[in-house]
């Protein structure tokens, strides 16, 4: 009874994950130090049992009051971060945030132990519940404890935001940084491994970002807006959040339609079906961005790029023949445009390196050359 009253007195106070919490934990630590110095195992077990009982009562009281929608340690972390308003930011703010995260991690361990749960399960479930409510910033706060869980939550949260392309874009921008972007910025990703290999989850996140880029490009193309690599989630990621991207307005219907097509068809097919007048430079940039994790995937991407060169080669040949026919009919003698299209045709044919495709292309376009030269 005396020990219980002692711990109650020590643990009473405001849990602000700041100086008060630090002083409280130091007092608890001193109690355990004295117990250890007594070399009485029974005393330590009694202290642990009493502390667990007090924690269970606190959790039960919180659950009855708040409905157990958010684990108690995360609620304290959220309150602590909320106190760090812009006007209160100081040079010590990063340290305060780091201390709050450390306090929350310790409390989360004891919370999960007393409730018979797994810490990582609690973190993922809580983060996904915030994603479901479209509270992405709160999900990021929860994942501060374990940054390596960010790609997993991003992948799992994708389906929770079905049809909401804006929130999906915000989710991927907030929780995922592709390895290509990390290398470009010369910074390490919080979820890198020492072998620098992409896991299945990381590849899925890259693929989802890439699909969003294709969807936004088609939406911009349909509405007459311009699109550039600076708007790419895969390549820019968090830069879009920091520097803003308010000028872009994407049609959610078009984006969702493109995402639906991409789930069953290749990017090459979707691009040329939904944006048939796409410029060569845009097409080559988008197809080159396609994430790859294996040699077969790299080979397929190369085949797609060469198919695209064949497509533009056919277009150049048709335009060259059309220009020749028009100049012969109208007697304008516009040889400059014909030469330009022939040069484009040659460039596309030279870009084809796969021998069967290269041989087939030259066989296909040989009659066209004869017709133009006659």
Protein backbone atom coordinates (compact mmCIF):
# COMPACT_ATOMS: atom_id res chain seq x y z
CA UNK A 1 0.00 0.00 0.00
CA UNK A 2 2.86 2.35 0.85
CA UNK A 3 4.59 1.58 -2.46
CA UNK A 4 1.35 2.17 -4.36
CA UNK A 5 0.86 5.57 -2.72
CA UNK A 6 4.49 6.42 -3.43
CA UNK A 7 4.21 5.60 -7.14
CA UNK A 8 0.87 7.40 -7.40
CA UNK A 9 2.46 10.51 -5.98
CA UNK A 10 5.48 10.23 -8.27
CA UNK A 11 3.39 9.57 -11.40
CA UNK A 12 0.81 12.25 -10.65
CA UNK A 13 1.13 15.40 -12.71
CA UNK A 14 0.92 16.65 -16.25
CA UNK A 15 2.19 14.37 -19.02
CA UNK A 16 3.32 17.03 -21.46
CA UNK A 17 6.30 15.19 -22.96
CA UNK A 18 8.37 18.15 -21.83
CA UNK A 19 10.25 19.18 -18.70
CA UNK A 20 7.45 17.96 -16.40
CA UNK A 21 7.48 14.49 -17.95
CA UNK A 22 11.27 14.39 -17.76
CA UNK A 23 11.24 15.25 -14.06
CA UNK A 24 8.56 12.63 -13.42
CA UNK A 25 10.54 9.92 -15.18
CA UNK A 26 13.67 10.85 -13.27
CA UNK A 27 11.77 10.36 -10.02
CA UNK A 28 10.51 6.94 -11.14
CA UNK A 29 14.03 6.05 -12.20
CA UNK A 30 15.37 7.01 -8.76
CA UNK A 31 12.74 4.78 -7.11
CA UNK A 32 13.89 1.81 -9.21
CA UNK A 33 17.54 2.63 -8.49
CA UNK A 34 16.86 2.44 -4.76
CA UNK A 35 14.93 -0.81 -5.23
CA UNK A 36 17.82 -2.31 -7.20
CA UNK A 37 20.29 -1.28 -4.52
CA UNK A 38 18.28 -3.33 -2.01
CA UNK A 39 18.92 -6.44 -4.14
CA UNK A 40 15.36 -7.56 -3.47
CA UNK A 41 13.82 -9.11 -6.58
CA UNK A 42 10.42 -9.27 -4.92
CA UNK A 43 10.46 -5.51 -4.37
CA UNK A 44 11.15 -4.88 -8.05
CA UNK A 45 8.32 -7.20 -9.07
CA UNK A 46 5.96 -5.39 -6.72
CA UNK A 47 6.94 -2.00 -8.16
CA UNK A 48 6.40 -3.26 -11.71
CA UNK A 49 3.04 -4.77 -10.81
CA UNK A 50 1.86 -1.59 -9.10
CA UNK A 51 3.04 0.58 -12.01
CA UNK A 52 1.23 -1.68 -14.51
CA UNK A 53 -1.94 -1.51 -12.43
CA UNK A 54 -1.80 2.29 -12.28
CA UNK A 55 -1.16 2.45 -16.02
CA UNK A 56 -4.11 0.13 -16.71
CA UNK A 57 -6.39 2.34 -14.61
CA UNK A 58 -5.17 5.43 -16.47
CA UNK A 59 -5.73 3.80 -19.86
CA UNK A 60 -9.20 2.59 -18.83
CA UNK A 61 -10.19 6.05 -17.62
CA UNK A 62 -8.93 7.60 -20.86
CA UNK A 63 -10.76 5.00 -22.97
CA UNK A 64 -14.04 5.62 -21.16
CA UNK A 65 -13.69 9.37 -21.68
CA UNK A 66 -12.32 9.51 -25.23
CA UNK A 67 -13.77 6.28 -26.66
CA UNK A 68 -10.32 4.76 -27.21
CA UNK A 69 -10.14 6.27 -30.70
CA UNK A 70 -6.48 7.16 -30.24
CA UNK A 71 -3.97 5.38 -27.98
CA UNK A 72 -3.07 7.52 -24.97
CA UNK A 73 0.65 7.97 -25.86
CA UNK A 74 -0.26 9.24 -29.33
CA UNK A 75 -2.77 11.68 -27.85
CA UNK A 76 -0.02 13.08 -25.63
CA UNK A 77 2.36 13.30 -28.58
CA UNK A 78 -0.27 15.12 -30.63
CA UNK A 79 -0.89 17.60 -27.81
CA UNK A 80 2.84 18.15 -27.42
CA UNK A 81 3.32 18.86 -31.14
CA UNK A 82 0.27 21.13 -31.17
CA UNK A 83 1.98 23.32 -28.58
CA UNK A 84 4.87 23.92 -30.99
CA UNK A 85 3.05 26.70 -32.83
CA UNK A 86 4.95 28.90 -35.31
CA UNK A 87 5.15 31.74 -32.78
CA UNK A 88 6.72 29.42 -30.19
CA UNK A 89 9.34 27.93 -32.51
CA UNK A 90 12.86 28.35 -31.15
CA UNK A 91 16.32 26.82 -31.73
CA UNK A 92 15.36 24.18 -29.15
CA UNK A 93 12.25 23.08 -31.09
CA UNK A 94 13.93 20.14 -32.94
CA UNK A 95 15.30 18.89 -29.61
CA UNK A 96 11.87 19.23 -27.98
CA UNK A 97 10.29 17.28 -30.83
CA UNK A 98 12.96 14.59 -30.55
CA UNK A 99 12.39 14.31 -26.79
CA UNK A 100 8.62 14.12 -27.26
CA UNK A 101 9.06 11.30 -29.77
CA UNK A 102 11.37 9.44 -27.36
CA UNK A 103 8.86 9.83 -24.50
CA UNK A 104 6.04 8.61 -26.74
CA UNK A 105 8.01 5.56 -27.82
CA UNK A 106 8.65 4.55 -24.20
CA UNK A 107 5.01 5.10 -23.27
CA UNK A 108 3.92 3.18 -26.35
CA UNK A 109 6.00 0.20 -25.31
CA UNK A 110 4.36 0.08 -21.87
CA UNK A 111 0.91 0.76 -23.37
CA UNK A 112 1.24 -2.17 -25.80
CA UNK A 113 2.69 -4.42 -23.08
CA UNK A 114 -0.15 -3.74 -20.65
CA UNK A 115 -2.84 -4.05 -23.36
CA UNK A 116 -1.31 -7.21 -24.83
CA UNK A 117 -0.75 -5.60 -28.23
CA UNK A 118 2.19 -5.23 -30.61
CA UNK A 119 3.80 -1.80 -30.80
CA UNK A 120 4.18 -1.82 -34.60
CA UNK A 121 0.59 -3.02 -35.01
CA UNK A 122 -0.63 -0.11 -32.88
CA UNK A 123 1.41 2.38 -34.91
CA UNK A 124 0.20 1.08 -38.29
CA UNK A 125 -3.45 0.80 -37.19
CA UNK A 126 -3.43 4.32 -35.76
CA UNK A 127 -1.75 5.79 -38.84
CA UNK A 128 -4.22 4.05 -41.17
CA UNK A 129 -7.16 5.30 -39.11
CA UNK A 130 -5.89 8.86 -39.66
CA UNK A 131 -5.43 8.18 -43.39
CA UNK A 132 -9.01 6.89 -43.57
CA UNK A 133 -10.15 10.20 -42.05
CA UNK A 134 -7.93 12.07 -44.56
CA UNK A 135 -5.79 13.42 -41.70
CA UNK A 136 -2.44 12.88 -43.38
CA UNK A 137 -0.46 15.23 -41.13
CA UNK A 138 -1.62 13.36 -38.02
CA UNK A 139 -0.59 10.07 -39.64
CA UNK A 140 2.87 11.53 -40.26
CA UNK A 141 3.13 12.46 -36.58
CA UNK A 142 2.36 8.89 -35.53
CA UNK A 143 4.94 7.51 -37.96
CA UNK A 144 7.65 9.72 -36.50
CA UNK A 145 8.23 6.85 -34.05
CA UNK A 146 9.07 4.38 -36.82
CA UNK A 147 9.87 6.15 -40.14
CA UNK A 148 10.54 2.80 -41.84
CA UNK A 149 6.79 2.11 -41.66
CA UNK A 150 6.01 5.08 -43.93
CA UNK A 151 6.08 3.17 -47.26
CA UNK A 152 3.93 0.38 -45.78
CA UNK A 153 1.30 2.85 -44.56
CA UNK A 154 1.43 4.71 -47.89
CA UNK A 155 0.79 1.47 -49.80
CA UNK A 156 -1.96 0.27 -47.44
CA UNK A 157 -3.57 3.70 -47.28
CA UNK A 158 -3.88 3.95 -51.07
CA UNK A 159 -6.99 1.76 -51.20
CA UNK A 160 -8.53 3.63 -48.24
CA UNK A 161 -8.65 6.76 -50.44
CA UNK A 162 -10.31 5.19 -53.48
CA UNK A 163 -11.44 7.82 -55.98
CA UNK A 164 -9.73 10.66 -54.08
CA UNK A 165 -6.75 11.49 -56.25
CA UNK A 166 -5.94 14.71 -54.40
CA UNK A 167 -5.66 12.91 -51.07
CA UNK A 168 -3.74 10.05 -52.69
CA UNK A 169 -1.27 12.57 -54.05
CA UNK A 170 -0.91 14.18 -50.62
CA UNK A 171 -0.46 10.75 -49.03
CA UNK A 172 2.39 9.77 -51.35
CA UNK A 173 4.03 13.19 -51.12
CA UNK A 174 3.98 13.07 -47.32
CA UNK A 175 4.99 9.46 -46.69
CA UNK A 176 7.16 8.41 -49.60
CA UNK A 177 10.47 9.55 -51.06
CA UNK A 178 11.67 7.42 -53.95
CA UNK A 179 15.28 6.29 -54.04
CA UNK A 180 15.81 8.19 -57.29
CA UNK A 181 14.70 11.40 -55.60
CA UNK A 182 16.86 10.73 -52.54
CA UNK A 183 19.89 10.25 -54.79
CA UNK A 184 19.07 13.40 -56.72
CA UNK A 185 18.89 15.39 -53.49
CA UNK A 186 22.02 13.62 -52.19
CA UNK A 187 20.29 12.67 -48.96
CA UNK A 188 19.56 9.32 -47.35
CA UNK A 189 16.03 8.03 -47.07
CA UNK A 190 14.85 7.01 -43.57
CA UNK A 191 13.90 3.60 -44.90
CA UNK A 192 17.04 2.77 -46.92
CA UNK A 193 18.70 -0.58 -46.33
CA UNK A 194 22.43 -1.16 -46.43
CA UNK A 195 22.20 -3.07 -49.70
CA UNK A 196 20.29 -0.21 -51.38
CA UNK A 197 17.73 -2.69 -52.71
CA UNK A 198 14.11 -1.73 -53.23
CA UNK A 199 11.63 -3.90 -51.38
CA UNK A 200 8.30 -4.93 -52.89
CA UNK A 201 6.54 -2.25 -50.83
CA UNK A 202 8.98 0.45 -51.96
CA UNK A 203 8.58 -0.59 -55.60
CA UNK A 204 4.79 -0.48 -55.17
CA UNK A 205 5.04 3.08 -53.79
CA UNK A 206 7.19 4.11 -56.76
CA UNK A 207 4.67 2.53 -59.13
CA UNK A 208 1.72 4.29 -57.48
CA UNK A 209 3.54 7.64 -57.72
CA UNK A 210 4.33 6.94 -61.38
CA UNK A 211 0.69 6.12 -62.10
CA UNK A 212 -0.36 9.39 -60.47
CA UNK A 213 2.12 11.21 -62.72
CA UNK A 214 0.63 9.56 -65.82
CA UNK A 215 -2.88 10.43 -64.62
CA UNK A 216 -1.99 14.08 -63.96
CA UNK A 217 -0.28 14.36 -67.36
CA UNK A 218 -3.34 13.06 -69.21
CA UNK A 219 -5.60 15.34 -67.16
CA UNK A 220 -3.40 18.35 -68.00
CA UNK A 221 -3.24 17.33 -71.65
CA UNK A 222 -7.03 17.08 -71.83
CA UNK A 223 -7.56 20.50 -70.24
CA UNK A 224 -4.84 22.27 -72.23
CA UNK A 225 -2.57 22.80 -69.22
CA UNK A 226 1.17 22.34 -69.34
CA UNK A 227 2.89 19.52 -67.45
CA UNK A 228 6.57 19.19 -66.61
CA UNK A 229 8.83 16.95 -64.57
CA UNK A 230 8.66 19.55 -61.78
CA UNK A 231 5.06 18.38 -61.27
CA UNK A 232 6.14 14.75 -60.91
CA UNK A 233 5.42 13.12 -57.56
CA UNK A 234 7.95 10.39 -58.30
CA UNK A 235 10.80 12.83 -58.97
CA UNK A 236 9.79 15.85 -56.88
CA UNK A 237 7.84 14.26 -54.01
CA UNK A 238 8.04 16.40 -50.87
CA UNK A 239 9.36 19.36 -52.89
CA UNK A 240 5.83 19.82 -54.23
CA UNK A 241 4.55 20.17 -50.66
CA UNK A 242 7.30 22.57 -49.57
CA UNK A 243 7.21 24.84 -52.61
CA UNK A 244 3.54 24.41 -53.43
CA UNK A 245 1.82 23.29 -56.60
CA UNK A 246 -1.29 25.42 -56.54
CA UNK A 247 -1.24 26.30 -60.23
CA UNK A 248 -2.04 22.75 -61.28
CA UNK A 249 -5.70 21.76 -61.35
CA UNK A 250 -6.38 18.17 -62.25
CA UNK A 251 -9.73 16.70 -63.29
CA UNK A 252 -10.42 13.91 -60.75
CA UNK A 253 -12.68 12.05 -63.19
CA UNK A 254 -9.95 11.88 -65.83
CA UNK A 255 -7.33 10.93 -63.26
CA UNK A 256 -9.44 8.11 -61.82
CA UNK A 257 -10.20 6.86 -65.33
CA UNK A 258 -6.48 6.78 -66.15
CA UNK A 259 -5.66 4.99 -62.87
CA UNK A 260 -8.32 2.40 -63.66
CA UNK A 261 -6.80 1.80 -67.09
CA UNK A 262 -3.28 1.59 -65.68
CA UNK A 263 -4.35 -1.18 -63.31
CA UNK A 264 -4.85 -3.50 -66.31
CA UNK A 265 -2.88 -1.93 -69.18
CA UNK A 266 0.67 -0.75 -69.79
CA UNK A 267 1.62 2.94 -69.53
CA UNK A 268 2.52 2.91 -73.25
CA UNK A 269 -0.97 1.75 -74.23
CA UNK A 270 -2.74 4.17 -71.88
CA UNK A 271 -0.65 7.18 -72.92
CA UNK A 272 -1.19 6.81 -76.65
CA UNK A 273 -4.86 5.84 -76.24
CA UNK A 274 -5.81 8.81 -74.04
CA UNK A 275 -3.27 11.35 -75.32
CA UNK A 276 -2.82 10.40 -79.00
CA UNK A 277 -1.16 13.73 -79.89
CA UNK A 278 1.43 13.54 -77.14
CA UNK A 279 4.76 15.11 -78.04
CA UNK A 280 7.78 12.88 -78.41
CA UNK A 281 9.70 14.66 -75.62
CA UNK A 282 6.83 14.19 -73.16
CA UNK A 283 6.40 10.56 -74.15
CA UNK A 284 10.09 9.69 -73.77
CA UNK A 285 10.28 11.44 -70.38
CA UNK A 286 7.22 9.66 -69.01
CA UNK A 287 8.22 6.21 -70.26
CA UNK A 288 11.79 6.63 -68.99
CA UNK A 289 10.44 7.41 -65.51
CA UNK A 290 8.80 3.98 -65.25
CA UNK A 291 10.17 2.25 -62.08
CA UNK A 292 12.12 -0.95 -62.64
CA UNK A 293 13.53 -3.44 -60.13
CA UNK A 294 14.77 -6.28 -62.33
CA UNK A 295 16.46 -7.01 -65.63
CA UNK A 296 13.23 -8.29 -67.28
CA UNK A 297 11.46 -5.08 -66.23
CA UNK A 298 14.29 -3.01 -67.72
CA UNK A 299 14.05 -5.04 -70.93
CA UNK A 300 10.28 -4.44 -71.14
CA UNK A 301 10.76 -0.71 -70.63
CA UNK A 302 13.36 -0.67 -73.39
CA UNK A 303 10.94 -2.48 -75.69
CA UNK A 304 8.24 0.10 -74.90
CA UNK A 305 10.61 2.95 -75.73
CA UNK A 306 11.59 1.34 -79.03
CA UNK A 307 7.93 0.73 -79.90
CA UNK A 308 7.40 4.42 -79.27
CA UNK A 309 10.27 5.27 -81.63
CA UNK A 310 8.65 3.05 -84.28
CA UNK A 311 5.36 4.87 -83.77
CA UNK A 312 6.96 8.30 -84.27
CA UNK A 313 8.97 6.95 -87.21
CA UNK A 314 5.71 5.95 -88.92
CA UNK A 315 4.29 9.40 -88.15
CA UNK A 316 7.36 11.11 -89.66
CA UNK A 317 7.16 8.93 -92.79
CA UNK A 318 3.47 9.72 -93.28
CA UNK A 319 4.07 13.45 -92.79
CA UNK A 320 7.00 13.36 -95.22
CA UNK A 321 4.88 11.64 -97.87
CA UNK A 322 2.03 14.08 -97.23
CA UNK A 323 4.35 17.06 -97.62
CA UNK A 324 5.74 15.65 -100.86
CA UNK A 325 2.27 15.05 -102.27
CA UNK A 326 1.12 18.52 -101.24
CA UNK A 327 4.17 20.20 -102.76
CA UNK A 328 3.75 18.28 -106.03
CA UNK A 329 0.06 19.17 -106.24
CA UNK A 330 0.41 22.83 -105.30
CA UNK A 331 3.81 23.18 -107.00
CA UNK A 332 5.19 24.84 -103.87
CA UNK A 333 8.35 22.78 -103.73
CA UNK A 334 8.49 22.79 -99.97
CA UNK A 335 11.57 20.61 -99.61
CA UNK A 336 12.53 22.00 -96.22
CA UNK A 337 9.65 20.35 -94.35
CA UNK A 338 10.20 17.10 -96.23
CA UNK A 339 13.86 17.09 -95.23
CA UNK A 340 12.90 17.81 -91.63
CA UNK A 341 10.49 14.86 -91.47
CA UNK A 342 13.03 12.58 -93.15
CA UNK A 343 15.62 13.61 -90.59
CA UNK A 344 13.17 12.83 -87.78
CA UNK A 345 12.44 9.47 -89.41
CA UNK A 346 16.15 8.63 -89.54
CA UNK A 347 16.67 9.68 -85.90
CA UNK A 348 13.85 7.42 -84.69
CA UNK A 349 15.10 4.49 -86.77
CA UNK A 350 18.65 4.93 -85.46
CA UNK A 351 17.32 4.90 -81.88
CA UNK A 352 16.01 1.35 -82.36
CA UNK A 353 18.72 -1.02 -81.09
CA UNK A 354 16.87 -4.35 -80.87
CA UNK A 355 17.96 -6.09 -84.07
CA UNK A 356 14.64 -7.75 -85.09
CA UNK A 357 12.78 -4.49 -84.55
CA UNK A 358 15.47 -2.52 -86.37
CA UNK A 359 15.44 -4.89 -89.34
CA UNK A 360 11.64 -4.87 -89.48
CA UNK A 361 11.53 -1.08 -89.32
CA UNK A 362 13.95 -0.61 -92.21
CA UNK A 363 12.04 -3.21 -94.23
CA UNK A 364 8.80 -1.37 -93.51
CA UNK A 365 10.09 2.08 -94.42
CA UNK A 366 12.19 1.13 -97.45
CA UNK A 367 9.26 1.62 -99.91
CA UNK A 368 8.57 5.01 -98.34
CA UNK A 369 12.14 6.13 -98.99
CA UNK A 370 11.83 5.07 -102.64
CA UNK A 371 8.53 6.93 -103.05
CA UNK A 372 9.98 10.10 -101.52
CA UNK A 373 13.19 9.99 -103.54
CA UNK A 374 11.40 9.43 -106.87
